Protein backbone atom coordinates (compact mmCIF):
# COMPACT_ATOMS: atom_id res chain seq x y z
CA UNK A 1 -11.75 24.60 -16.28
CA UNK A 2 -9.42 24.32 -19.24
CA UNK A 3 -6.12 22.47 -19.20
CA UNK A 4 -4.13 25.72 -19.34
CA UNK A 5 -5.97 26.98 -16.23
CA UNK A 6 -5.36 23.68 -14.48
CA UNK A 7 -1.66 23.50 -15.29
CA UNK A 8 -1.05 27.10 -14.25
CA UNK A 9 -1.75 26.30 -10.58
CA UNK A 10 1.37 25.16 -8.65
CA UNK A 11 -0.54 22.64 -6.53
CA UNK A 12 -1.43 20.77 -9.71
CA UNK A 13 2.27 20.45 -10.59
CA UNK A 14 2.88 18.84 -7.21
CA UNK A 15 -0.14 16.59 -7.74
CA UNK A 16 1.12 15.58 -11.18
CA UNK A 17 4.57 14.73 -9.80
CA UNK A 18 3.15 12.69 -6.94
CA UNK A 19 0.63 10.93 -9.18
CA UNK A 20 3.32 9.91 -11.68
CA UNK A 21 5.56 8.68 -8.87
CA UNK A 22 2.70 6.65 -7.39
CA UNK A 23 1.89 5.15 -10.79
CA UNK A 24 5.53 4.22 -11.45
CA UNK A 25 6.02 2.70 -7.99
CA UNK A 26 2.69 0.86 -8.19
CA UNK A 27 3.67 -0.56 -11.57
CA UNK A 28 6.96 -1.79 -10.10
CA UNK A 29 5.10 -3.41 -7.18
CA UNK A 30 3.30 -5.76 -9.54
CA UNK A 31 6.14 -6.26 -12.04
CA UNK A 32 9.03 -6.81 -9.62
CA UNK A 33 10.14 -10.44 -9.44
CA UNK A 34 11.90 -9.91 -6.11
CA UNK A 35 9.42 -9.91 -3.23
CA UNK A 36 11.55 -7.63 -1.03
CA UNK A 37 11.84 -5.07 -3.83
CA UNK A 38 8.07 -5.29 -4.37
CA UNK A 39 7.50 -4.53 -0.67
CA UNK A 40 9.85 -1.54 -0.86
CA UNK A 41 8.07 -0.23 -3.96
CA UNK A 42 4.83 -0.63 -1.99
CA UNK A 43 6.33 1.67 0.67
CA UNK A 44 7.04 4.26 -2.05
CA UNK A 45 3.51 3.91 -3.41
CA UNK A 46 1.91 4.36 0.00
CA UNK A 47 4.15 7.34 0.77
CA UNK A 48 3.04 8.99 -2.47
CA UNK A 49 -0.61 8.37 -1.62
CA UNK A 50 0.01 9.95 1.78
CA UNK A 51 1.42 12.97 -0.05
CA UNK A 52 -1.77 13.15 -2.11
CA UNK A 53 -3.81 13.17 1.10
CA UNK A 54 -1.67 16.05 2.37
CA UNK A 55 -2.54 17.95 -0.82
CA UNK A 56 -6.21 17.39 0.00
CA UNK A 57 -5.65 18.87 3.49
CA UNK A 58 -6.28 15.50 5.11
CA UNK A 59 -3.12 15.41 7.21
CA UNK A 60 -4.59 13.05 9.79
CA UNK A 61 -5.46 10.47 7.15
CA UNK A 62 -1.99 10.87 5.62
CA UNK A 63 -0.26 10.22 8.95
CA UNK A 64 -2.52 7.27 9.70
CA UNK A 65 -1.58 5.84 6.30
CA UNK A 66 2.11 6.32 7.08
CA UNK A 67 1.90 4.89 10.59
CA UNK A 68 -0.46 1.99 9.97
CA UNK A 69 0.35 0.86 6.45
CA UNK A 70 4.00 1.80 6.04
CA UNK A 71 4.94 1.50 9.69
CA UNK A 72 3.06 -1.67 10.47
CA UNK A 73 1.71 -3.62 7.52
CA UNK A 74 4.73 -3.36 5.22
CA UNK A 75 7.07 -4.02 8.12
CA UNK A 76 4.93 -7.08 8.91
CA UNK A 77 5.27 -8.21 5.27
CA UNK A 78 9.03 -7.83 5.40
CA UNK A 79 9.18 -9.50 8.80
CA UNK A 80 7.13 -12.41 7.46
CA UNK A 81 9.37 -12.72 4.42
CA UNK A 82 12.51 -12.74 6.52
CA UNK A 83 11.26 -15.01 9.32
CA UNK A 84 9.89 -17.68 6.98
CA UNK A 85 13.11 -17.65 4.97
CA UNK A 86 11.11 -17.27 1.80
CA UNK A 87 13.22 -17.10 -1.35
CA UNK A 88 13.84 -13.42 -2.08
CA UNK A 89 15.43 -13.77 -5.49
CA UNK A 90 13.76 -13.92 -8.85
CA UNK A 91 11.28 -16.74 -9.32
CA UNK A 92 10.90 -17.56 -12.99
CA UNK A 93 8.14 -20.03 -12.15
CA UNK A 94 5.86 -17.07 -11.34
CA UNK A 95 6.48 -15.37 -14.67
CA UNK A 96 3.60 -15.98 -17.05
CA UNK A 97 4.52 -14.15 -20.24
CA UNK A 98 1.45 -15.30 -22.14
CA UNK A 99 -0.91 -13.64 -19.63
CA UNK A 100 0.82 -10.24 -19.75
CA UNK A 101 -1.06 -8.83 -22.78
CA UNK A 102 -4.40 -9.98 -21.37
CA UNK A 103 -3.60 -8.47 -17.98
CA UNK A 104 -2.52 -5.20 -19.61
CA UNK A 105 -5.73 -4.97 -21.67
CA UNK A 106 -7.92 -5.76 -18.65
CA UNK A 107 -6.05 -3.22 -16.48
CA UNK A 108 -6.24 -0.45 -19.07
CA UNK A 109 -9.91 -1.23 -19.71
CA UNK A 110 -10.70 -1.07 -16.00
CA UNK A 111 -8.75 2.19 -15.67
CA UNK A 112 -10.67 3.65 -18.63
CA UNK A 113 -14.08 2.63 -17.25
CA UNK A 114 -13.31 3.96 -13.76
CA UNK A 115 -11.91 7.23 -15.13
CA UNK A 116 -14.84 7.74 -17.47
CA UNK A 117 -17.44 7.07 -14.76
CA UNK A 118 -15.65 9.33 -12.27
CA UNK A 119 -15.42 12.21 -14.73
CA UNK A 120 -19.02 11.70 -15.84
CA UNK A 121 -20.30 11.54 -12.25
CA UNK A 122 -18.45 14.58 -10.90
CA UNK A 123 -17.74 16.66 -14.04
CA UNK A 124 -16.80 20.19 -12.91
CA UNK A 125 -18.00 19.84 -9.33
CA UNK A 126 -15.57 21.51 -6.97
CA UNK A 127 -14.33 19.47 -4.04
CA UNK A 128 -15.88 20.89 -0.89
CA UNK A 129 -13.49 21.87 1.83
CA UNK A 130 -10.25 21.85 -0.18
CA UNK A 131 -7.75 23.91 1.75
CA UNK A 132 -9.72 23.59 4.97
CA UNK A 133 -8.56 21.32 7.74
CA UNK A 134 -10.78 18.47 8.89
CA UNK A 135 -11.11 18.41 12.67
CA UNK A 136 -9.49 15.28 14.07
CA UNK A 137 -12.28 14.71 16.58
CA UNK A 138 -14.79 14.26 13.74
CA UNK A 139 -12.51 11.72 12.05
CA UNK A 140 -11.91 9.95 15.37
CA UNK A 141 -15.63 9.64 16.06
CA UNK A 142 -16.26 8.40 12.51
CA UNK A 143 -13.48 5.80 12.65
CA UNK A 144 -13.84 4.61 16.21
CA UNK A 145 -17.58 5.08 16.64
CA UNK A 146 -19.12 2.85 14.02
CA UNK A 147 -15.98 1.05 12.97
CA UNK A 148 -14.36 0.23 16.31
CA UNK A 149 -15.31 -3.46 16.12
CA UNK A 150 -13.91 -4.06 12.59
CA UNK A 151 -10.82 -2.07 13.63
CA UNK A 152 -10.23 -4.42 16.56
CA UNK A 153 -10.92 -7.51 14.44
CA UNK A 154 -8.28 -6.42 11.93
CA UNK A 155 -5.83 -5.96 14.80
CA UNK A 156 -6.45 -9.53 15.99
CA UNK A 157 -6.13 -10.88 12.44
CA UNK A 158 -2.74 -9.17 12.06
CA UNK A 159 -1.66 -10.56 15.43
CA UNK A 160 -2.76 -14.06 14.40
CA UNK A 161 -0.84 -13.72 11.13
CA UNK A 162 2.29 -12.70 13.01
CA UNK A 163 2.00 -15.62 15.44
CA UNK A 164 1.30 -18.01 12.56
CA UNK A 165 4.37 -16.78 10.67
CA UNK A 166 6.57 -17.28 13.71
CA UNK A 167 5.11 -20.74 14.29
CA UNK A 168 5.68 -21.79 10.68
CA UNK A 169 9.21 -20.44 10.62
CA UNK A 170 10.26 -21.97 13.92
CA UNK A 171 12.10 -25.21 13.50
CA UNK A 172 12.61 -27.61 16.37
CA UNK A 173 16.14 -28.95 16.67
CA UNK A 174 16.84 -32.65 16.85
CA UNK A 175 18.78 -33.87 19.92
CA UNK A 176 21.89 -34.29 17.75
CA UNK A 177 21.63 -30.69 16.48
CA UNK A 178 21.20 -29.45 20.08
CA UNK A 179 24.38 -31.31 21.08
CA UNK A 180 26.32 -29.82 18.18
CA UNK A 181 25.05 -26.34 18.95
CA UNK A 182 25.96 -26.72 22.62
CA UNK A 183 29.47 -27.94 21.78
CA UNK A 184 30.24 -24.98 19.54
């Protein structure tokens, strides 16, 4: 398939727009010096990836991504940031300007290697089932058949992280502070 054939299909325009938005938001996730802004850019990145899954006719996977990652994990990140009273402003101590060129070269090299191997492995092979819907019962059996135990373990790990964040953020008041609070 030539580039002119590829670009003439409207679905590829939508893909290109979503892919560029995901790349831009993903770049801002790792370059933002404000942790709250980074979490919000992560929401945009995950929403774009969910849009890409919709283009692949994997609506169930897209909604699971929205519900689990955007609706739970990112909210947990933001909740943890807010409850621990972590500094949300810019932290110049985290900025390592000397490592930026090295990180850029490593990232671009990794992107090149992964792109080259993907194109070489699949070449012009058409994706089977594009445009067809995947039955949800098959996905449910695949996810909750073999992977039910890891799924439950991840749930307990997230619960433990939430309880740990609350425990770390909780501050016991001294008797004097309790008196002052009661008098107000």
